[in-house]
Structure formats: C-alpha cells, structure tokens
Amino acid sequence: MTKFKERYIFCFESDQHDETILWRYTDEAQHAANNHRTYKPKIYDLIILNQELPKQLKFDIRHELLSDILQGDSKLPPKRP
C-alpha cells in the first residue's frame, strides 16, 4: 500500500504566460507556512508544476509569484492587541 502525502496545489495568473500556472510549496515550506504566522516564503520554496515551460520562464514566473505573495501579505489588516 502506497501512502501519498497531501499537498495543496495553487493556481496563479501570470503576466508572462497566458495559461494558468499551477504551483505548490516545498514540503518544508508548507510545514512552516502552516505552523508559523510570520513565515515568509523564499524563491526556492515555490515549485512550478507546469512541466512544458522553459526553465528561464519558470524562473521569471517564480519571481513574479513571490512578489505577488509578499505584496499580498502587506495588505493584511494590523494584528489586534
């Protein structure tokens, strides 16, 4: 019997590619994101699942995605005292 690890897969609309980009976090980053409120992902924590994309385009999309994630965090309401 094979056990599969449950993973979240997300969608992202990139400005650099017209198709929807599927991505996920690395296992270590997913654990940190689920257990630490102040976690900020790094570029190497993001995995692009679209296999047909060229390597350089994946790299550029990862940077765009990280920028979008970090920018979204700044829009969160301030924490209540």
PDB file of N, CA and C in Angstrom:
ATOM      1  N   MET A   1       0.840  -1.179   0.000  1.00  0.00           N
ATOM      2  CA  MET A   1       0.000   0.000   0.000  1.00  0.00           C
ATOM      3  C   MET A   1       0.888   1.247   0.000  1.00  0.00           C
ATOM      4  N   THR A   2       0.610   2.138  -0.906  1.00  0.00           N
ATOM      5  CA  THR A   2       1.405   3.351  -1.027  1.00  0.00           C
ATOM      6  C   THR A   2       0.698   4.509  -0.327  1.00  0.00           C
ATOM      7  N   LYS A   3       1.440   5.234   0.465  1.00  0.00           N
ATOM      8  CA  LYS A   3       0.885   6.418   1.116  1.00  0.00           C
ATOM      9  C   LYS A   3       1.309   7.650   0.341  1.00  0.00           C
ATOM     10  N   PHE A   4       0.358   8.491   0.040  1.00  0.00           N
ATOM     11  CA  PHE A   4       0.652   9.750  -0.636  1.00  0.00           C
ATOM     12  C   PHE A   4       0.508  10.885   0.353  1.00  0.00           C
ATOM     13  N   LYS A   5       1.423  11.796   0.287  1.00  0.00           N
ATOM     14  CA  LYS A   5       1.390  12.971   1.148  1.00  0.00           C
ATOM     15  C   LYS A   5       0.407  13.974   0.561  1.00  0.00           C
ATOM     16  N   GLU A   6      -0.476  14.492   1.384  1.00  0.00           N
ATOM     17  CA  GLU A   6      -1.417  15.503   0.906  1.00  0.00           C
ATOM     18  C   GLU A   6      -0.681  16.810   0.691  1.00  0.00           C
ATOM     19  N   ARG A   7      -0.883  17.396  -0.481  1.00  0.00           N
ATOM     20  CA  ARG A   7      -0.246  18.673  -0.798  1.00  0.00           C
ATOM     21  C   ARG A   7      -1.284  19.610  -1.382  1.00  0.00           C
ATOM     22  N   TYR A   8      -1.146  20.868  -1.037  1.00  0.00           N
ATOM     23  CA  TYR A   8      -2.004  21.891  -1.625  1.00  0.00           C
ATOM     24  C   TYR A   8      -1.393  22.335  -2.947  1.00  0.00           C
ATOM     25  N   ILE A   9      -2.233  22.474  -3.959  1.00  0.00           N
ATOM     26  CA  ILE A   9      -1.792  22.991  -5.249  1.00  0.00           C
ATOM     27  C   ILE A   9      -2.582  24.269  -5.510  1.00  0.00           C
ATOM     28  N   PHE A  10      -1.870  25.319  -5.890  1.00  0.00           N
ATOM     29  CA  PHE A  10      -2.471  26.625  -6.101  1.00  0.00           C
ATOM     30  C   PHE A  10      -2.412  27.012  -7.579  1.00  0.00           C
ATOM     31  N   CYS A  11      -3.259  27.949  -7.959  1.00  0.00           N
ATOM     32  CA  CYS A  11      -3.271  28.497  -9.321  1.00  0.00           C
ATOM     33  C   CYS A  11      -2.793  29.947  -9.276  1.00  0.00           C
ATOM     34  N   PHE A  12      -2.154  30.368 -10.341  1.00  0.00           N
ATOM     35  CA  PHE A  12      -1.626  31.734 -10.431  1.00  0.00           C
ATOM     36  C   PHE A  12      -1.761  32.218 -11.871  1.00  0.00           C
ATOM     37  N   GLU A  13      -2.269  33.418 -12.037  1.00  0.00           N
ATOM     38  CA  GLU A  13      -2.372  34.035 -13.363  1.00  0.00           C
ATOM     39  C   GLU A  13      -1.164  34.947 -13.551  1.00  0.00           C
ATOM     40  N   SER A  14      -0.266  34.537 -14.403  1.00  0.00           N
ATOM     41  CA  SER A  14       0.969  35.280 -14.628  1.00  0.00           C
ATOM     42  C   SER A  14       0.801  36.292 -15.760  1.00  0.00           C
ATOM     43  N   ASP A  15       1.540  37.385 -15.660  1.00  0.00           N
ATOM     44  CA  ASP A  15       1.580  38.375 -16.744  1.00  0.00           C
ATOM     45  C   ASP A  15       2.496  37.907 -17.874  1.00  0.00           C
ATOM     46  N   GLN A  16       3.324  36.918 -17.598  1.00  0.00           N
ATOM     47  CA  GLN A  16       4.329  36.485 -18.567  1.00  0.00           C
ATOM     48  C   GLN A  16       3.906  35.259 -19.367  1.00  0.00           C
ATOM     49  N   HIS A  17       2.811  34.614 -18.967  1.00  0.00           N
ATOM     50  CA  HIS A  17       2.347  33.405 -19.649  1.00  0.00           C
ATOM     51  C   HIS A  17       0.828  33.415 -19.643  1.00  0.00           C
ATOM     52  N   ASP A  18       0.215  33.078 -20.765  1.00  0.00           N
ATOM     53  CA  ASP A  18      -1.235  33.219 -20.878  1.00  0.00           C
ATOM     54  C   ASP A  18      -2.031  32.082 -20.228  1.00  0.00           C
ATOM     55  N   GLU A  19      -1.428  30.943 -19.958  1.00  0.00           N
ATOM     56  CA  GLU A  19      -2.132  29.839 -19.299  1.00  0.00           C
ATOM     57  C   GLU A  19      -2.003  29.965 -17.782  1.00  0.00           C
ATOM     58  N   THR A  20      -2.924  29.324 -17.076  1.00  0.00           N
ATOM     59  CA  THR A  20      -2.870  29.316 -15.617  1.00  0.00           C
ATOM     60  C   THR A  20      -1.655  28.507 -15.155  1.00  0.00           C
ATOM     61  N   ILE A  21      -0.943  29.045 -14.199  1.00  0.00           N
ATOM     62  CA  ILE A  21       0.250  28.402 -13.639  1.00  0.00           C
ATOM     63  C   ILE A  21      -0.164  27.643 -12.385  1.00  0.00           C
ATOM     64  N   LEU A  22       0.199  26.358 -12.310  1.00  0.00           N
ATOM     65  CA  LEU A  22      -0.024  25.557 -11.115  1.00  0.00           C
ATOM     66  C   LEU A  22       1.266  25.527 -10.314  1.00  0.00           C
ATOM     67  N   TRP A  23       1.144  25.722  -9.011  1.00  0.00           N
ATOM     68  CA  TRP A  23       2.339  25.748  -8.174  1.00  0.00           C
ATOM     69  C   TRP A  23       2.011  25.229  -6.786  1.00  0.00           C
ATOM     70  N   ARG A  24       3.066  24.911  -6.052  1.00  0.00           N
ATOM     71  CA  ARG A  24       2.931  24.495  -4.654  1.00  0.00           C
ATOM     72  C   ARG A  24       4.197  24.894  -3.903  1.00  0.00           C
ATOM     73  N   TYR A  25       4.132  24.770  -2.575  1.00  0.00           N
ATOM     74  CA  TYR A  25       5.303  24.976  -1.730  1.00  0.00           C
ATOM     75  C   TYR A  25       6.096  23.674  -1.616  1.00  0.00           C
ATOM     76  N   THR A  26       7.377  23.774  -1.284  1.00  0.00           N
ATOM     77  CA  THR A  26       8.139  22.585  -0.916  1.00  0.00           C
ATOM     78  C   THR A  26       7.550  22.046   0.391  1.00  0.00           C
ATOM     79  N   ASP A  27       7.853  20.798   0.714  1.00  0.00           N
ATOM     80  CA  ASP A  27       7.300  20.193   1.940  1.00  0.00           C
ATOM     81  C   ASP A  27       7.720  20.965   3.189  1.00  0.00           C
ATOM     82  N   GLU A  28       8.979  21.388   3.234  1.00  0.00           N
ATOM     83  CA  GLU A  28       9.467  22.134   4.405  1.00  0.00           C
ATOM     84  C   GLU A  28       8.763  23.488   4.523  1.00  0.00           C
ATOM     85  N   ALA A  29       8.581  24.150   3.399  1.00  0.00           N
ATOM     86  CA  ALA A  29       7.930  25.461   3.416  1.00  0.00           C
ATOM     87  C   ALA A  29       6.456  25.332   3.769  1.00  0.00           C
ATOM     88  N   GLN A  30       5.810  24.281   3.290  1.00  0.00           N
ATOM     89  CA  GLN A  30       4.391  24.080   3.607  1.00  0.00           C
ATOM     90  C   GLN A  30       4.214  23.878   5.108  1.00  0.00           C
ATOM     91  N   HIS A  31       5.098  23.107   5.722  1.00  0.00           N
ATOM     92  CA  HIS A  31       5.037  22.909   7.171  1.00  0.00           C
ATOM     93  C   HIS A  31       5.218  24.241   7.904  1.00  0.00           C
ATOM     94  N   ALA A  32       6.205  25.009   7.495  1.00  0.00           N
ATOM     95  CA  ALA A  32       6.465  26.304   8.143  1.00  0.00           C
ATOM     96  C   ALA A  32       5.294  27.260   7.934  1.00  0.00           C
ATOM     97  N   ALA A  33       4.718  27.277   6.733  1.00  0.00           N
ATOM     98  CA  ALA A  33       3.601  28.181   6.444  1.00  0.00           C
ATOM     99  C   ALA A  33       2.367  27.813   7.267  1.00  0.00           C
ATOM    100  N   ASN A  34       2.182  26.527   7.514  1.00  0.00           N
ATOM    101  CA  ASN A  34       1.012  26.088   8.282  1.00  0.00           C
ATOM    102  C   ASN A  34       1.189  26.254   9.788  1.00  0.00           C
ATOM    103  N   ASN A  35       2.427  26.366  10.259  1.00  0.00           N
ATOM    104  CA  ASN A  35       2.669  26.376  11.699  1.00  0.00           C
ATOM    105  C   ASN A  35       3.251  27.669  12.256  1.00  0.00           C
ATOM    106  N   HIS A  36       3.621  28.592  11.397  1.00  0.00           N
ATOM    107  CA  HIS A  36       4.220  29.840  11.871  1.00  0.00           C
ATOM    108  C   HIS A  36       3.529  31.021  11.186  1.00  0.00           C
ATOM    109  N   ARG A  37       2.957  31.891  11.986  1.00  0.00           N
ATOM    110  CA  ARG A  37       2.199  33.025  11.440  1.00  0.00           C
ATOM    111  C   ARG A  37       3.081  34.023  10.691  1.00  0.00           C
ATOM    112  N   THR A  38       4.322  34.136  11.054  1.00  0.00           N
ATOM    113  CA  THR A  38       5.195  35.149  10.457  1.00  0.00           C
ATOM    114  C   THR A  38       6.047  34.589   9.321  1.00  0.00           C
ATOM    115  N   TYR A  39       5.737  33.408   8.828  1.00  0.00           N
ATOM    116  CA  TYR A  39       6.540  32.779   7.776  1.00  0.00           C
ATOM    117  C   TYR A  39       6.493  33.579   6.481  1.00  0.00           C
ATOM    118  N   LYS A  40       7.653  33.813   5.913  1.00  0.00           N
ATOM    119  CA  LYS A  40       7.778  34.468   4.603  1.00  0.00           C
ATOM    120  C   LYS A  40       8.480  33.490   3.669  1.00  0.00           C
ATOM    121  N   PRO A  41       7.849  33.114   2.560  1.00  0.00           N
ATOM    122  CA  PRO A  41       8.491  32.151   1.655  1.00  0.00           C
ATOM    123  C   PRO A  41       9.700  32.756   0.951  1.00  0.00           C
ATOM    124  N   LYS A  42      10.590  31.884   0.523  1.00  0.00           N
ATOM    125  CA  LYS A  42      11.756  32.270  -0.276  1.00  0.00           C
ATOM    126  C   LYS A  42      11.505  31.796  -1.705  1.00  0.00           C
ATOM    127  N   ILE A  43      12.313  32.249  -2.630  1.00  0.00           N
ATOM    128  CA  ILE A  43      12.129  31.894  -4.035  1.00  0.00           C
ATOM    129  C   ILE A  43      12.265  30.382  -4.235  1.00  0.00           C
ATOM    130  N   TYR A  44      13.153  29.733  -3.489  1.00  0.00           N
ATOM    131  CA  TYR A  44      13.358  28.298  -3.659  1.00  0.00           C
ATOM    132  C   TYR A  44      12.276  27.462  -2.971  1.00  0.00           C
ATOM    133  N   ASP A  45      11.343  28.088  -2.239  1.00  0.00           N
ATOM    134  CA  ASP A  45      10.231  27.385  -1.608  1.00  0.00           C
ATOM    135  C   ASP A  45       9.061  27.160  -2.563  1.00  0.00           C
ATOM    136  N   LEU A  46       9.089  27.788  -3.736  1.00  0.00           N
ATOM    137  CA  LEU A  46       7.994  27.709  -4.691  1.00  0.00           C
ATOM    138  C   LEU A  46       8.338  26.733  -5.810  1.00  0.00           C
ATOM    139  N   ILE A  47       7.422  25.824  -6.103  1.00  0.00           N
ATOM    140  CA  ILE A  47       7.619  24.842  -7.163  1.00  0.00           C
ATOM    141  C   ILE A  47       6.563  25.060  -8.228  1.00  0.00           C
ATOM    142  N   ILE A  48       6.988  25.315  -9.447  1.00  0.00           N
ATOM    143  CA  ILE A  48       6.077  25.462 -10.586  1.00  0.00           C
ATOM    144  C   ILE A  48       5.816  24.067 -11.144  1.00  0.00           C
ATOM    145  N   LEU A  49       4.542  23.691 -11.284  1.00  0.00           N
ATOM    146  CA  LEU A  49       4.189  22.341 -11.707  1.00  0.00           C
ATOM    147  C   LEU A  49       3.983  22.205 -13.213  1.00  0.00           C
ATOM    148  N   ASN A  50       3.904  23.296 -13.939  1.00  0.00           N
ATOM    149  CA  ASN A  50       3.733  23.236 -15.394  1.00  0.00           C
ATOM    150  C   ASN A  50       5.047  22.764 -16.016  1.00  0.00           C
ATOM    151  N   GLN A  51       5.092  21.543 -16.485  1.00  0.00           N
ATOM    152  CA  GLN A  51       6.324  20.949 -16.987  1.00  0.00           C
ATOM    153  C   GLN A  51       6.755  21.469 -18.348  1.00  0.00           C
ATOM    154  N   GLU A  52       5.822  21.945 -19.153  1.00  0.00           N
ATOM    155  CA  GLU A  52       6.150  22.333 -20.526  1.00  0.00           C
ATOM    156  C   GLU A  52       6.823  23.706 -20.637  1.00  0.00           C
ATOM    157  N   LEU A  53       6.926  24.417 -19.552  1.00  0.00           N
ATOM    158  CA  LEU A  53       7.512  25.758 -19.596  1.00  0.00           C
ATOM    159  C   LEU A  53       9.039  25.695 -19.671  1.00  0.00           C
ATOM    160  N   PRO A  54       9.648  26.603 -20.427  1.00  0.00           N
ATOM    161  CA  PRO A  54      11.116  26.680 -20.444  1.00  0.00           C
ATOM    162  C   PRO A  54      11.658  27.072 -19.064  1.00  0.00           C
ATOM    163  N   LYS A  55      12.880  26.678 -18.787  1.00  0.00           N
ATOM    164  CA  LYS A  55      13.496  26.905 -17.479  1.00  0.00           C
ATOM    165  C   LYS A  55      13.542  28.390 -17.101  1.00  0.00           C
ATOM    166  N   GLN A  56      13.931  29.241 -18.042  1.00  0.00           N
ATOM    167  CA  GLN A  56      14.034  30.670 -17.752  1.00  0.00           C
ATOM    168  C   GLN A  56      12.665  31.274 -17.454  1.00  0.00           C
ATOM    169  N   LEU A  57      11.627  30.833 -18.172  1.00  0.00           N
ATOM    170  CA  LEU A  57      10.278  31.345 -17.934  1.00  0.00           C
ATOM    171  C   LEU A  57       9.790  30.912 -16.554  1.00  0.00           C
ATOM    172  N   LYS A  58      10.069  29.674 -16.152  1.00  0.00           N
ATOM    173  CA  LYS A  58       9.709  29.218 -14.800  1.00  0.00           C
ATOM    174  C   LYS A  58      10.382  30.087 -13.746  1.00  0.00           C
ATOM    175  N   PHE A  59      11.640  30.390 -13.975  1.00  0.00           N
ATOM    176  CA  PHE A  59      12.400  31.237 -13.047  1.00  0.00           C
ATOM    177  C   PHE A  59      11.753  32.618 -12.925  1.00  0.00           C
ATOM    178  N   ASP A  60      11.402  33.217 -14.057  1.00  0.00           N
ATOM    179  CA  ASP A  60      10.768  34.540 -14.062  1.00  0.00           C
ATOM    180  C   ASP A  60       9.390  34.509 -13.394  1.00  0.00           C
ATOM    181  N   ILE A  61       8.636  33.447 -13.643  1.00  0.00           N
ATOM    182  CA  ILE A  61       7.307  33.315 -13.038  1.00  0.00           C
ATOM    183  C   ILE A  61       7.419  33.131 -11.537  1.00  0.00           C
ATOM    184  N   ARG A  62       8.411  32.371 -11.082  1.00  0.00           N
ATOM    185  CA  ARG A  62       8.617  32.211  -9.636  1.00  0.00           C
ATOM    186  C   ARG A  62       8.883  33.555  -8.966  1.00  0.00           C
ATOM    187  N   HIS A  63       9.683  34.404  -9.597  1.00  0.00           N
ATOM    188  CA  HIS A  63       9.932  35.737  -9.036  1.00  0.00           C
ATOM    189  C   HIS A  63       8.661  36.575  -9.015  1.00  0.00           C
ATOM    190  N   GLU A  64       7.882  36.502 -10.076  1.00  0.00           N
ATOM    191  CA  GLU A  64       6.614  37.239 -10.124  1.00  0.00           C
ATOM    192  C   GLU A  64       5.655  36.725  -9.044  1.00  0.00           C
ATOM    193  N   LEU A  65       5.592  35.414  -8.875  1.00  0.00           N
ATOM    194  CA  LEU A  65       4.733  34.795  -7.872  1.00  0.00           C
ATOM    195  C   LEU A  65       5.157  35.196  -6.464  1.00  0.00           C
ATOM    196  N   LEU A  66       6.450  35.134  -6.181  1.00  0.00           N
ATOM    197  CA  LEU A  66       6.940  35.519  -4.859  1.00  0.00           C
ATOM    198  C   LEU A  66       6.615  36.980  -4.568  1.00  0.00           C
ATOM    199  N   SER A  67       6.808  37.830  -5.542  1.00  0.00           N
ATOM    200  CA  SER A  67       6.482  39.241  -5.377  1.00  0.00           C
ATOM    201  C   SER A  67       4.999  39.422  -5.069  1.00  0.00           C
ATOM    202  N   ASP A  68       4.155  38.669  -5.753  1.00  0.00           N
ATOM    203  CA  ASP A  68       2.714  38.750  -5.537  1.00  0.00           C
ATOM    204  C   ASP A  68       2.341  38.257  -4.136  1.00  0.00           C
ATOM    205  N   ILE A  69       2.963  37.172  -3.690  1.00  0.00           N
ATOM    206  CA  ILE A  69       2.691  36.635  -2.349  1.00  0.00           C
ATOM    207  C   ILE A  69       3.101  37.630  -1.268  1.00  0.00           C
ATOM    208  N   LEU A  70       4.308  38.170  -1.389  1.00  0.00           N
ATOM    209  CA  LEU A  70       4.797  39.104  -0.373  1.00  0.00           C
ATOM    210  C   LEU A  70       4.027  40.411  -0.396  1.00  0.00           C
ATOM    211  N   GLN A  71       3.611  40.849  -1.556  1.00  0.00           N
ATOM    212  CA  GLN A  71       2.813  42.066  -1.654  1.00  0.00           C
ATOM    213  C   GLN A  71       1.439  41.840  -1.034  1.00  0.00           C
ATOM    214  N   GLY A  72       0.882  40.648  -1.212  1.00  0.00           N
ATOM    215  CA  GLY A  72      -0.412  40.316  -0.618  1.00  0.00           C
ATOM    216  C   GLY A  72      -0.358  40.307   0.888  1.00  0.00           C
ATOM    217  N   ASP A  73       0.777  39.899   1.468  1.00  0.00           N
ATOM    218  CA  ASP A  73       0.932  39.893   2.921  1.00  0.00           C
ATOM    219  C   ASP A  73       0.882  41.300   3.498  1.00  0.00           C
ATOM    220  N   SER A  74       1.347  42.276   2.750  1.00  0.00           N
ATOM    221  CA  SER A  74       1.356  43.637   3.273  1.00  0.00           C
ATOM    222  C   SER A  74      -0.042  44.240   3.319  1.00  0.00           C
ATOM    223  N   LYS A  75      -1.011  43.613   2.648  1.00  0.00           N
ATOM    224  CA  LYS A  75      -2.385  44.116   2.637  1.00  0.00           C
ATOM    225  C   LYS A  75      -3.216  43.573   3.792  1.00  0.00           C
ATOM    226  N   LEU A  76      -2.624  42.706   4.614  1.00  0.00           N
ATOM    227  CA  LEU A  76      -3.359  42.150   5.731  1.00  0.00           C
ATOM    228  C   LEU A  76      -3.646  43.246   6.757  1.00  0.00           C
ATOM    229  N   PRO A  77      -4.786  43.147   7.423  1.00  0.00           N
ATOM    230  CA  PRO A  77      -5.092  44.148   8.464  1.00  0.00           C
ATOM    231  C   PRO A  77      -4.128  44.012   9.631  1.00  0.00           C
ATOM    232  N   PRO A  78      -3.902  45.096  10.358  1.00  0.00           N
ATOM    233  CA  PRO A  78      -2.986  45.011  11.510  1.00  0.00           C
ATOM    234  C   PRO A  78      -3.538  44.074  12.579  1.00  0.00           C
ATOM    235  N   LYS A  79      -2.618  43.433  13.272  1.00  0.00           N
ATOM    236  CA  LYS A  79      -2.989  42.495  14.326  1.00  0.00           C
ATOM    237  C   LYS A  79      -3.563  43.261  15.515  1.00  0.00           C
ATOM    238  N   ARG A  80      -4.637  42.717  16.093  1.00  0.00           N
ATOM    239  CA  ARG A  80      -5.245  43.365  17.261  1.00  0.00           C
ATOM    240  C   ARG A  80      -4.390  43.133  18.511  1.00  0.00           C
ATOM    241  N   PRO A  81      -4.330  44.130  19.403  1.00  0.00           N
ATOM    242  CA  PRO A  81      -3.508  43.978  20.617  1.00  0.00           C
ATOM    243  C   PRO A  81      -4.075  42.976  21.585  1.00  0.00           C
TER     244      PRO A  81
END
